[in-house]
PDB file of N, CA and C in Angstrom:
ATOM      1  N   UNK A   1      25.524  26.449  53.207  1.00  0.00           N
ATOM      2  CA  UNK A   1      26.937  27.353  52.992  1.00  0.00           C
ATOM      3  C   UNK A   1      26.498  27.823  51.495  1.00  0.00           C
ATOM      4  N   UNK A   2      26.720  29.182  51.248  1.00  0.00           N
ATOM      5  CA  UNK A   2      26.718  29.685  49.792  1.00  0.00           C
ATOM      6  C   UNK A   2      27.769  29.292  48.925  1.00  0.00           C
ATOM      7  N   UNK A   3      27.385  28.868  47.748  1.00  0.00           N
ATOM      8  CA  UNK A   3      28.400  28.675  46.972  1.00  0.00           C
ATOM      9  C   UNK A   3      28.843  26.973  46.866  1.00  0.00           C
ATOM     10  N   UNK A   4      28.263  26.148  47.784  1.00  0.00           N
ATOM     11  CA  UNK A   4      28.533  24.768  48.078  1.00  0.00           C
ATOM     12  C   UNK A   4      27.737  23.930  47.057  1.00  0.00           C
ATOM     13  N   UNK A   5      28.050  23.116  46.610  1.00  0.00           N
ATOM     14  CA  UNK A   5      27.352  22.192  45.631  1.00  0.00           C
ATOM     15  C   UNK A   5      26.353  21.470  46.322  1.00  0.00           C
ATOM     16  N   UNK A   6      25.116  21.452  45.803  1.00  0.00           N
ATOM     17  CA  UNK A   6      23.963  20.327  46.425  1.00  0.00           C
ATOM     18  C   UNK A   6      24.373  19.053  46.915  1.00  0.00           C
ATOM     19  N   UNK A   7      25.173  18.501  45.973  1.00  0.00           N
ATOM     20  CA  UNK A   7      25.299  16.962  46.154  1.00  0.00           C
ATOM     21  C   UNK A   7      26.370  17.012  47.569  1.00  0.00           C
ATOM     22  N   UNK A   8      26.847  17.934  48.164  1.00  0.00           N
ATOM     23  CA  UNK A   8      27.751  17.838  49.447  1.00  0.00           C
ATOM     24  C   UNK A   8      26.939  17.803  50.476  1.00  0.00           C
ATOM     25  N   UNK A   9      25.588  18.154  50.360  1.00  0.00           N
ATOM     26  CA  UNK A   9      24.306  18.131  51.653  1.00  0.00           C
ATOM     27  C   UNK A   9      24.237  16.780  51.969  1.00  0.00           C
ATOM     28  N   UNK A  10      23.900  16.400  53.275  1.00  0.00           N
ATOM     29  CA  UNK A  10      23.405  15.111  53.347  1.00  0.00           C
ATOM     30  C   UNK A  10      21.998  15.081  52.894  1.00  0.00           C
ATOM     31  N   UNK A  11      21.711  13.810  52.543  1.00  0.00           N
ATOM     32  CA  UNK A  11      20.363  13.474  51.898  1.00  0.00           C
ATOM     33  C   UNK A  11      19.298  13.217  53.101  1.00  0.00           C
ATOM     34  N   UNK A  12      18.125  13.987  53.125  1.00  0.00           N
ATOM     35  CA  UNK A  12      17.040  13.809  54.231  1.00  0.00           C
ATOM     36  C   UNK A  12      16.729  12.288  54.143  1.00  0.00           C
ATOM     37  N   UNK A  13      16.517  11.656  55.450  1.00  0.00           N
ATOM     38  CA  UNK A  13      16.366  10.224  55.569  1.00  0.00           C
ATOM     39  C   UNK A  13      15.019  10.033  54.826  1.00  0.00           C
ATOM     40  N   UNK A  14      14.658   8.751  54.657  1.00  0.00           N
ATOM     41  CA  UNK A  14      13.447   8.220  54.135  1.00  0.00           C
ATOM     42  C   UNK A  14      12.181   8.386  55.136  1.00  0.00           C
ATOM     43  N   UNK A  15      11.087   8.714  54.778  1.00  0.00           N
ATOM     44  CA  UNK A  15       9.791   8.828  55.479  1.00  0.00           C
ATOM     45  C   UNK A  15       9.291   7.556  55.736  1.00  0.00           C
ATOM     46  N   UNK A  16       9.384   6.471  54.556  1.00  0.00           N
ATOM     47  CA  UNK A  16       9.195   5.143  54.570  1.00  0.00           C
ATOM     48  C   UNK A  16      10.162   4.271  54.088  1.00  0.00           C
ATOM     49  N   UNK A  17      10.639   3.420  54.776  1.00  0.00           N
ATOM     50  CA  UNK A  17      11.716   2.645  54.307  1.00  0.00           C
ATOM     51  C   UNK A  17      11.370   1.706  53.183  1.00  0.00           C
ATOM     52  N   UNK A  18      12.370   1.423  52.559  1.00  0.00           N
ATOM     53  CA  UNK A  18      12.105   0.233  51.377  1.00  0.00           C
ATOM     54  C   UNK A  18      12.083  -1.245  51.773  1.00  0.00           C
ATOM     55  N   UNK A  19      11.171  -1.830  51.193  1.00  0.00           N
ATOM     56  CA  UNK A  19      11.124  -3.279  51.731  1.00  0.00           C
ATOM     57  C   UNK A  19      12.151  -4.013  51.185  1.00  0.00           C
ATOM     58  N   UNK A  20      12.477  -5.190  51.810  1.00  0.00           N
ATOM     59  CA  UNK A  20      13.405  -6.176  51.260  1.00  0.00           C
ATOM     60  C   UNK A  20      13.588  -6.368  49.697  1.00  0.00           C
ATOM     61  N   UNK A  21      12.320  -6.502  49.114  1.00  0.00           N
ATOM     62  CA  UNK A  21      12.086  -6.724  48.048  1.00  0.00           C
ATOM     63  C   UNK A  21      12.432  -5.471  47.058  1.00  0.00           C
ATOM     64  N   UNK A  22      12.074  -4.413  47.500  1.00  0.00           N
ATOM     65  CA  UNK A  22      12.436  -3.298  46.703  1.00  0.00           C
ATOM     66  C   UNK A  22      13.816  -3.188  46.647  1.00  0.00           C
ATOM     67  N   UNK A  23      14.565  -3.402  47.959  1.00  0.00           N
ATOM     68  CA  UNK A  23      15.992  -3.138  47.989  1.00  0.00           C
ATOM     69  C   UNK A  23      16.747  -4.041  46.895  1.00  0.00           C
ATOM     70  N   UNK A  24      16.064  -5.437  46.841  1.00  0.00           N
ATOM     71  CA  UNK A  24      16.889  -6.303  45.904  1.00  0.00           C
ATOM     72  C   UNK A  24      16.500  -5.741  44.378  1.00  0.00           C
ATOM     73  N   UNK A  25      15.378  -5.065  44.137  1.00  0.00           N
ATOM     74  CA  UNK A  25      15.156  -4.572  42.706  1.00  0.00           C
ATOM     75  C   UNK A  25      16.226  -3.408  42.494  1.00  0.00           C
ATOM     76  N   UNK A  26      16.455  -2.504  43.774  1.00  0.00           N
ATOM     77  CA  UNK A  26      17.127  -1.443  43.576  1.00  0.00           C
ATOM     78  C   UNK A  26      18.724  -1.974  43.410  1.00  0.00           C
ATOM     79  N   UNK A  27      19.063  -2.875  43.976  1.00  0.00           N
ATOM     80  CA  UNK A  27      20.476  -3.460  43.730  1.00  0.00           C
ATOM     81  C   UNK A  27      20.562  -3.795  42.237  1.00  0.00           C
ATOM     82  N   UNK A  28      19.687  -4.484  41.845  1.00  0.00           N
ATOM     83  CA  UNK A  28      19.693  -4.788  40.317  1.00  0.00           C
ATOM     84  C   UNK A  28      19.656  -3.722  39.360  1.00  0.00           C
ATOM     85  N   UNK A  29      18.960  -2.731  39.743  1.00  0.00           N
ATOM     86  CA  UNK A  29      19.195  -1.476  38.987  1.00  0.00           C
ATOM     87  C   UNK A  29      20.755  -1.031  39.014  1.00  0.00           C
ATOM     88  N   UNK A  30      21.250  -1.192  40.232  1.00  0.00           N
ATOM     89  CA  UNK A  30      22.723  -0.609  40.424  1.00  0.00           C
ATOM     90  C   UNK A  30      23.593  -1.523  39.410  1.00  0.00           C
ATOM     91  N   UNK A  31      23.038  -2.781  39.061  1.00  0.00           N
ATOM     92  CA  UNK A  31      23.925  -3.773  37.956  1.00  0.00           C
ATOM     93  C   UNK A  31      23.537  -3.341  36.838  1.00  0.00           C
ATOM     94  N   UNK A  32      22.742  -2.573  36.493  1.00  0.00           N
ATOM     95  CA  UNK A  32      22.360  -2.163  35.063  1.00  0.00           C
ATOM     96  C   UNK A  32      21.455  -3.287  34.435  1.00  0.00           C
ATOM     97  N   UNK A  33      20.677  -3.944  34.963  1.00  0.00           N
ATOM     98  CA  UNK A  33      19.705  -4.978  34.281  1.00  0.00           C
ATOM     99  C   UNK A  33      18.427  -4.434  33.999  1.00  0.00           C
ATOM    100  N   UNK A  34      17.911  -4.929  32.824  1.00  0.00           N
ATOM    101  CA  UNK A  34      16.731  -4.371  32.238  1.00  0.00           C
ATOM    102  C   UNK A  34      15.439  -5.108  33.111  1.00  0.00           C
ATOM    103  N   UNK A  35      14.424  -4.463  33.037  1.00  0.00           N
ATOM    104  CA  UNK A  35      13.297  -4.832  33.839  1.00  0.00           C
ATOM    105  C   UNK A  35      13.003  -6.529  33.546  1.00  0.00           C
ATOM    106  N   UNK A  36      13.340  -7.067  32.485  1.00  0.00           N
ATOM    107  CA  UNK A  36      12.957  -8.323  32.157  1.00  0.00           C
ATOM    108  C   UNK A  36      13.929  -9.193  32.924  1.00  0.00           C
ATOM    109  N   UNK A  37      15.327  -8.674  32.791  1.00  0.00           N
ATOM    110  CA  UNK A  37      16.200  -9.376  33.476  1.00  0.00           C
ATOM    111  C   UNK A  37      16.212  -9.271  35.040  1.00  0.00           C
ATOM    112  N   UNK A  38      15.559  -8.070  35.602  1.00  0.00           N
ATOM    113  CA  UNK A  38      15.421  -8.403  37.022  1.00  0.00           C
ATOM    114  C   UNK A  38      14.227  -9.273  37.302  1.00  0.00           C
ATOM    115  N   UNK A  39      13.333  -9.253  36.455  1.00  0.00           N
ATOM    116  CA  UNK A  39      12.075 -10.216  36.687  1.00  0.00           C
ATOM    117  C   UNK A  39      12.568 -11.608  36.603  1.00  0.00           C
ATOM    118  N   UNK A  40      13.336 -11.860  35.818  1.00  0.00           N
ATOM    119  CA  UNK A  40      14.015 -13.203  35.669  1.00  0.00           C
ATOM    120  C   UNK A  40      14.732 -13.578  36.883  1.00  0.00           C
ATOM    121  N   UNK A  41      15.677 -12.735  37.263  1.00  0.00           N
ATOM    122  CA  UNK A  41      16.708 -12.988  38.237  1.00  0.00           C
ATOM    123  C   UNK A  41      15.977 -13.275  39.628  1.00  0.00           C
ATOM    124  N   UNK A  42      14.611 -12.349  39.916  1.00  0.00           N
ATOM    125  CA  UNK A  42      13.913 -12.458  41.045  1.00  0.00           C
ATOM    126  C   UNK A  42      12.749 -13.301  41.224  1.00  0.00           C
ATOM    127  N   UNK A  43      12.790 -14.062  40.102  1.00  0.00           N
ATOM    128  CA  UNK A  43      11.527 -14.956  39.789  1.00  0.00           C
ATOM    129  C   UNK A  43      10.312 -14.429  40.058  1.00  0.00           C
ATOM    130  N   UNK A  44      10.018 -13.271  39.512  1.00  0.00           N
ATOM    131  CA  UNK A  44       8.745 -12.584  39.653  1.00  0.00           C
ATOM    132  C   UNK A  44       8.219 -11.953  38.226  1.00  0.00           C
ATOM    133  N   UNK A  45       6.944 -11.459  38.211  1.00  0.00           N
ATOM    134  CA  UNK A  45       6.526 -11.056  37.030  1.00  0.00           C
ATOM    135  C   UNK A  45       7.259  -9.495  36.485  1.00  0.00           C
ATOM    136  N   UNK A  46       7.252  -9.159  35.286  1.00  0.00           N
ATOM    137  CA  UNK A  46       7.591  -7.853  34.826  1.00  0.00           C
ATOM    138  C   UNK A  46       6.678  -6.851  35.645  1.00  0.00           C
ATOM    139  N   UNK A  47       5.444  -7.313  35.623  1.00  0.00           N
ATOM    140  CA  UNK A  47       4.492  -6.127  36.139  1.00  0.00           C
ATOM    141  C   UNK A  47       4.816  -5.900  37.833  1.00  0.00           C
ATOM    142  N   UNK A  48       5.327  -6.866  38.353  1.00  0.00           N
ATOM    143  CA  UNK A  48       5.675  -6.787  39.700  1.00  0.00           C
ATOM    144  C   UNK A  48       7.007  -5.954  39.733  1.00  0.00           C
ATOM    145  N   UNK A  49       7.902  -6.178  38.858  1.00  0.00           N
ATOM    146  CA  UNK A  49       9.133  -5.175  38.926  1.00  0.00           C
ATOM    147  C   UNK A  49       8.710  -3.685  38.817  1.00  0.00           C
ATOM    148  N   UNK A  50       7.721  -3.615  37.785  1.00  0.00           N
ATOM    149  CA  UNK A  50       7.282  -2.184  37.373  1.00  0.00           C
ATOM    150  C   UNK A  50       6.486  -1.554  38.828  1.00  0.00           C
ATOM    151  N   UNK A  51       6.034  -2.401  39.614  1.00  0.00           N
ATOM    152  CA  UNK A  51       5.103  -2.056  40.513  1.00  0.00           C
ATOM    153  C   UNK A  51       6.131  -1.437  41.738  1.00  0.00           C
ATOM    154  N   UNK A  52       7.253  -2.300  42.086  1.00  0.00           N
ATOM    155  CA  UNK A  52       8.385  -2.136  42.858  1.00  0.00           C
ATOM    156  C   UNK A  52       9.005  -0.697  42.509  1.00  0.00           C
ATOM    157  N   UNK A  53       9.427  -0.844  41.170  1.00  0.00           N
ATOM    158  CA  UNK A  53      10.012   0.503  40.549  1.00  0.00           C
ATOM    159  C   UNK A  53       9.335   1.857  40.883  1.00  0.00           C
ATOM    160  N   UNK A  54       8.021   1.706  40.672  1.00  0.00           N
ATOM    161  CA  UNK A  54       7.004   3.065  40.999  1.00  0.00           C
ATOM    162  C   UNK A  54       7.358   3.222  42.638  1.00  0.00           C
ATOM    163  N   UNK A  55       7.309   2.199  43.342  1.00  0.00           N
ATOM    164  CA  UNK A  55       7.365   2.550  45.013  1.00  0.00           C
ATOM    165  C   UNK A  55       8.458   2.917  45.214  1.00  0.00           C
ATOM    166  N   UNK A  56       9.613   2.423  44.604  1.00  0.00           N
ATOM    167  CA  UNK A  56      11.103   2.944  44.783  1.00  0.00           C
ATOM    168  C   UNK A  56      11.329   4.313  44.445  1.00  0.00           C
ATOM    169  N   UNK A  57      10.765   4.670  43.256  1.00  0.00           N
ATOM    170  CA  UNK A  57      10.777   6.030  42.835  1.00  0.00           C
ATOM    171  C   UNK A  57       9.868   6.993  43.754  1.00  0.00           C
ATOM    172  N   UNK A  58       8.877   6.849  44.165  1.00  0.00           N
ATOM    173  CA  UNK A  58       7.917   7.473  45.246  1.00  0.00           C
ATOM    174  C   UNK A  58       8.716   7.706  46.621  1.00  0.00           C
ATOM    175  N   UNK A  59       9.318   6.324  46.981  1.00  0.00           N
ATOM    176  CA  UNK A  59      10.045   6.531  48.432  1.00  0.00           C
ATOM    177  C   UNK A  59      11.261   7.486  48.431  1.00  0.00           C
ATOM    178  N   UNK A  60      11.953   7.140  47.315  1.00  0.00           N
ATOM    179  CA  UNK A  60      13.283   7.879  47.248  1.00  0.00           C
ATOM    180  C   UNK A  60      12.985   9.369  46.664  1.00  0.00           C
ATOM    181  N   UNK A  61      11.913   9.671  46.196  1.00  0.00           N
ATOM    182  CA  UNK A  61      11.551  11.093  45.271  1.00  0.00           C
ATOM    183  C   UNK A  61      12.386  11.248  44.289  1.00  0.00           C
ATOM    184  N   UNK A  62      12.377  10.317  43.415  1.00  0.00           N
ATOM    185  CA  UNK A  62      13.024  10.352  42.210  1.00  0.00           C
ATOM    186  C   UNK A  62      12.263   9.934  41.051  1.00  0.00           C
ATOM    187  N   UNK A  63      12.596  10.136  39.700  1.00  0.00           N
ATOM    188  CA  UNK A  63      11.749   9.540  38.598  1.00  0.00           C
ATOM    189  C   UNK A  63      12.397   8.888  37.480  1.00  0.00           C
ATOM    190  N   UNK A  64      13.669   8.334  37.851  1.00  0.00           N
ATOM    191  CA  UNK A  64      14.400   7.351  37.165  1.00  0.00           C
ATOM    192  C   UNK A  64      15.323   6.538  37.708  1.00  0.00           C
ATOM    193  N   UNK A  65      15.859   5.436  37.047  1.00  0.00           N
ATOM    194  CA  UNK A  65      16.655   4.517  37.609  1.00  0.00           C
ATOM    195  C   UNK A  65      18.008   5.105  38.216  1.00  0.00           C
ATOM    196  N   UNK A  66      18.642   5.727  37.355  1.00  0.00           N
ATOM    197  CA  UNK A  66      20.033   6.427  37.419  1.00  0.00           C
ATOM    198  C   UNK A  66      19.754   7.411  38.773  1.00  0.00           C
ATOM    199  N   UNK A  67      18.640   8.053  39.033  1.00  0.00           N
ATOM    200  CA  UNK A  67      18.579   8.964  40.159  1.00  0.00           C
ATOM    201  C   UNK A  67      18.192   8.108  41.498  1.00  0.00           C
ATOM    202  N   UNK A  68      17.721   7.064  41.189  1.00  0.00           N
ATOM    203  CA  UNK A  68      17.119   6.248  42.309  1.00  0.00           C
ATOM    204  C   UNK A  68      18.420   5.565  42.926  1.00  0.00           C
ATOM    205  N   UNK A  69      19.476   5.073  42.072  1.00  0.00           N
ATOM    206  CA  UNK A  69      20.504   4.404  42.667  1.00  0.00           C
ATOM    207  C   UNK A  69      21.403   5.490  43.101  1.00  0.00           C
ATOM    208  N   UNK A  70      21.577   6.661  42.705  1.00  0.00           N
ATOM    209  CA  UNK A  70      22.441   7.808  43.203  1.00  0.00           C
ATOM    210  C   UNK A  70      21.773   8.158  44.645  1.00  0.00           C
ATOM    211  N   UNK A  71      20.419   8.364  44.616  1.00  0.00           N
ATOM    212  CA  UNK A  71      19.980   8.696  46.000  1.00  0.00           C
ATOM    213  C   UNK A  71      20.266   7.623  47.010  1.00  0.00           C
ATOM    214  N   UNK A  72      19.940   6.204  46.554  1.00  0.00           N
ATOM    215  CA  UNK A  72      20.038   5.163  47.584  1.00  0.00           C
ATOM    216  C   UNK A  72      21.569   4.997  48.128  1.00  0.00           C
ATOM    217  N   UNK A  73      22.460   5.216  47.180  1.00  0.00           N
ATOM    218  CA  UNK A  73      23.901   5.297  47.524  1.00  0.00           C
ATOM    219  C   UNK A  73      24.226   6.412  48.415  1.00  0.00           C
ATOM    220  N   UNK A  74      23.568   7.619  48.273  1.00  0.00           N
ATOM    221  CA  UNK A  74      23.767   8.849  49.232  1.00  0.00           C
ATOM    222  C   UNK A  74      23.309   8.390  50.595  1.00  0.00           C
ATOM    223  N   UNK A  75      22.179   7.630  50.827  1.00  0.00           N
ATOM    224  CA  UNK A  75      21.562   7.058  51.833  1.00  0.00           C
ATOM    225  C   UNK A  75      22.256   5.996  52.531  1.00  0.00           C
ATOM    226  N   UNK A  76      23.151   5.474  51.885  1.00  0.00           N
ATOM    227  CA  UNK A  76      23.855   4.317  52.269  1.00  0.00           C
ATOM    228  C   UNK A  76      23.049   3.079  52.101  1.00  0.00           C
ATOM    229  N   UNK A  77      22.085   3.034  51.190  1.00  0.00           N
ATOM    230  CA  UNK A  77      21.256   1.743  51.054  1.00  0.00           C
ATOM    231  C   UNK A  77      21.784   0.867  50.123  1.00  0.00           C
ATOM    232  N   UNK A  78      22.868   1.258  49.392  1.00  0.00           N
ATOM    233  CA  UNK A  78      23.482   0.176  48.367  1.00  0.00           C
ATOM    234  C   UNK A  78      24.869   0.836  48.279  1.00  0.00           C
ATOM    235  N   UNK A  79      25.636  -0.027  47.728  1.00  0.00           N
ATOM    236  CA  UNK A  79      27.207   0.457  47.403  1.00  0.00           C
ATOM    237  C   UNK A  79      27.105   0.833  46.095  1.00  0.00           C
ATOM    238  N   UNK A  80      27.802   1.705  45.553  1.00  0.00           N
ATOM    239  CA  UNK A  80      27.975   2.038  44.213  1.00  0.00           C
ATOM    240  C   UNK A  80      28.299   0.873  43.296  1.00  0.00           C
ATOM    241  N   UNK A  81      27.965   0.551  42.133  1.00  0.00           N
ATOM    242  CA  UNK A  81      28.485  -0.432  41.350  1.00  0.00           C
ATOM    243  C   UNK A  81      29.748  -0.270  40.811  1.00  0.00           C
ATOM    244  N   UNK A  82      30.467  -1.497  40.938  1.00  0.00           N
ATOM    245  CA  UNK A  82      31.911  -1.647  40.615  1.00  0.00           C
ATOM    246  C   UNK A  82      32.221  -1.306  39.353  1.00  0.00           C
ATOM    247  N   UNK A  83      33.250  -0.901  38.845  1.00  0.00           N
ATOM    248  CA  UNK A  83      33.678  -0.504  37.419  1.00  0.00           C
ATOM    249  C   UNK A  83      34.022  -1.845  36.551  1.00  0.00           C
ATOM    250  N   UNK A  84      33.877  -1.757  35.434  1.00  0.00           N
ATOM    251  CA  UNK A  84      34.238  -2.990  34.756  1.00  0.00           C
ATOM    252  C   UNK A  84      32.882  -3.569  34.244  1.00  0.00           C
ATOM    253  N   UNK A  85      33.223  -4.915  33.387  1.00  0.00           N
ATOM    254  CA  UNK A  85      32.214  -5.735  33.027  1.00  0.00           C
ATOM    255  C   UNK A  85      31.071  -6.000  34.000  1.00  0.00           C
ATOM    256  N   UNK A  86      29.753  -6.125  33.118  1.00  0.00           N
ATOM    257  CA  UNK A  86      28.579  -6.493  34.006  1.00  0.00           C
ATOM    258  C   UNK A  86      28.843  -7.987  34.298  1.00  0.00           C
ATOM    259  N   UNK A  87      28.480  -8.544  35.758  1.00  0.00           N
ATOM    260  CA  UNK A  87      28.375  -9.951  36.014  1.00  0.00           C
ATOM    261  C   UNK A  87      27.025 -10.622  35.352  1.00  0.00           C
ATOM    262  N   UNK A  88      27.301 -11.714  35.032  1.00  0.00           N
ATOM    263  CA  UNK A  88      26.168 -12.717  34.434  1.00  0.00           C
ATOM    264  C   UNK A  88      25.245 -13.217  35.542  1.00  0.00           C
ATOM    265  N   UNK A  89      25.672 -13.350  36.638  1.00  0.00           N
ATOM    266  CA  UNK A  89      24.562 -13.773  37.786  1.00  0.00           C
ATOM    267  C   UNK A  89      24.547 -13.011  38.783  1.00  0.00           C
ATOM    268  N   UNK A  90      23.270 -12.715  39.279  1.00  0.00           N
ATOM    269  CA  UNK A  90      23.292 -11.837  40.535  1.00  0.00           C
ATOM    270  C   UNK A  90      22.197 -12.567  41.476  1.00  0.00           C
ATOM    271  N   UNK A  91      22.693 -12.338  42.741  1.00  0.00           N
ATOM    272  CA  UNK A  91      21.923 -13.297  43.849  1.00  0.00           C
ATOM    273  C   UNK A  91      21.768 -11.964  44.715  1.00  0.00           C
ATOM    274  N   UNK A  92      20.449 -11.740  45.327  1.00  0.00           N
ATOM    275  CA  UNK A  92      20.082 -11.050  46.405  1.00  0.00           C
ATOM    276  C   UNK A  92      20.786 -11.534  47.653  1.00  0.00           C
ATOM    277  N   UNK A  93      20.807 -12.644  47.753  1.00  0.00           N
ATOM    278  CA  UNK A  93      21.453 -13.080  49.146  1.00  0.00           C
ATOM    279  C   UNK A  93      23.117 -12.957  49.019  1.00  0.00           C
ATOM    280  N   UNK A  94      23.613 -13.008  47.720  1.00  0.00           N
ATOM    281  CA  UNK A  94      24.982 -12.574  47.773  1.00  0.00           C
ATOM    282  C   UNK A  94      25.205 -11.105  48.046  1.00  0.00           C
ATOM    283  N   UNK A  95      24.306 -10.152  47.485  1.00  0.00           N
ATOM    284  CA  UNK A  95      24.412  -8.641  47.692  1.00  0.00           C
ATOM    285  C   UNK A  95      24.422  -8.686  49.288  1.00  0.00           C
ATOM    286  N   UNK A  96      23.450  -9.078  49.915  1.00  0.00           N
ATOM    287  CA  UNK A  96      23.169  -9.125  51.266  1.00  0.00           C
ATOM    288  C   UNK A  96      24.621  -9.317  52.044  1.00  0.00           C
ATOM    289  N   UNK A  97      25.118 -10.654  51.715  1.00  0.00           N
ATOM    290  CA  UNK A  97      26.361 -11.063  52.180  1.00  0.00           C
ATOM    291  C   UNK A  97      27.731 -10.193  52.037  1.00  0.00           C
ATOM    292  N   UNK A  98      27.682  -9.492  50.705  1.00  0.00           N
ATOM    293  CA  UNK A  98      28.738  -8.433  50.317  1.00  0.00           C
ATOM    294  C   UNK A  98      28.393  -7.171  51.333  1.00  0.00           C
ATOM    295  N   UNK A  99      27.199  -6.789  51.277  1.00  0.00           N
ATOM    296  CA  UNK A  99      26.718  -5.495  52.165  1.00  0.00           C
ATOM    297  C   UNK A  99      27.233  -5.658  53.525  1.00  0.00           C
ATOM    298  N   UNK A 100      27.155  -6.858  54.140  1.00  0.00           N
ATOM    299  CA  UNK A 100      27.551  -7.017  55.581  1.00  0.00           C
ATOM    300  C   UNK A 100      29.224  -7.257  55.631  1.00  0.00           C
ATOM    301  N   UNK A 101      29.749  -7.637  54.873  1.00  0.00           N
ATOM    302  CA  UNK A 101      31.230  -7.752  54.907  1.00  0.00           C
ATOM    303  C   UNK A 101      31.724  -6.185  54.444  1.00  0.00           C
ATOM    304  N   UNK A 102      31.087  -5.576  53.672  1.00  0.00           N
ATOM    305  CA  UNK A 102      31.551  -4.058  53.508  1.00  0.00           C
ATOM    306  C   UNK A 102      31.264  -3.362  54.870  1.00  0.00           C
ATOM    307  N   UNK A 103      30.101  -3.508  55.250  1.00  0.00           N
ATOM    308  CA  UNK A 103      29.708  -2.535  56.420  1.00  0.00           C
ATOM    309  C   UNK A 103      30.555  -2.969  57.727  1.00  0.00           C
ATOM    310  N   UNK A 104      30.881  -4.288  57.815  1.00  0.00           N
ATOM    311  CA  UNK A 104      31.934  -4.838  58.995  1.00  0.00           C
ATOM    312  C   UNK A 104      33.251  -4.163  58.870  1.00  0.00           C
ATOM    313  N   UNK A 105      33.679  -4.122  57.526  1.00  0.00           N
ATOM    314  CA  UNK A 105      35.222  -3.396  57.329  1.00  0.00           C
ATOM    315  C   UNK A 105      35.053  -1.966  57.480  1.00  0.00           C
ATOM    316  N   UNK A 106      33.952  -1.385  57.467  1.00  0.00           N
ATOM    317  CA  UNK A 106      33.609  -0.070  57.750  1.00  0.00           C
ATOM    318  C   UNK A 106      33.701   0.358  59.116  1.00  0.00           C
ATOM    319  N   UNK A 107      32.965  -0.559  59.729  1.00  0.00           N
ATOM    320  CA  UNK A 107      32.704  -0.296  61.315  1.00  0.00           C
ATOM    321  C   UNK A 107      34.098  -0.751  62.250  1.00  0.00           C
ATOM    322  N   UNK A 108      34.933  -1.596  61.638  1.00  0.00           N
ATOM    323  CA  UNK A 108      36.163  -1.904  62.218  1.00  0.00           C
ATOM    324  C   UNK A 108      37.201  -0.831  62.250  1.00  0.00           C
TER     325      UNK A 108
END
């Protein structure tokens, strides 16, 4: 529809889905953690974080973290980060549990 902003259009689906580890890295992008903090949280090398980051960017067709988080939220892959202070501990298992609870609330 002419005059409508691009953001109101539905995002096309992914050609290749993100792996569970890529989703964990993406969730930590959403928490505004640095590369070294993500590596420490997931107990992986910083080079592995960088490899996952490149793969995430490629799959989401973006070129920075902010765009990756925005695109993932548009696709329903992650929930937007809550406003307020950053948490000091992040757990991918905790995110998965929270995502299931939020999804259950949306479906009920």
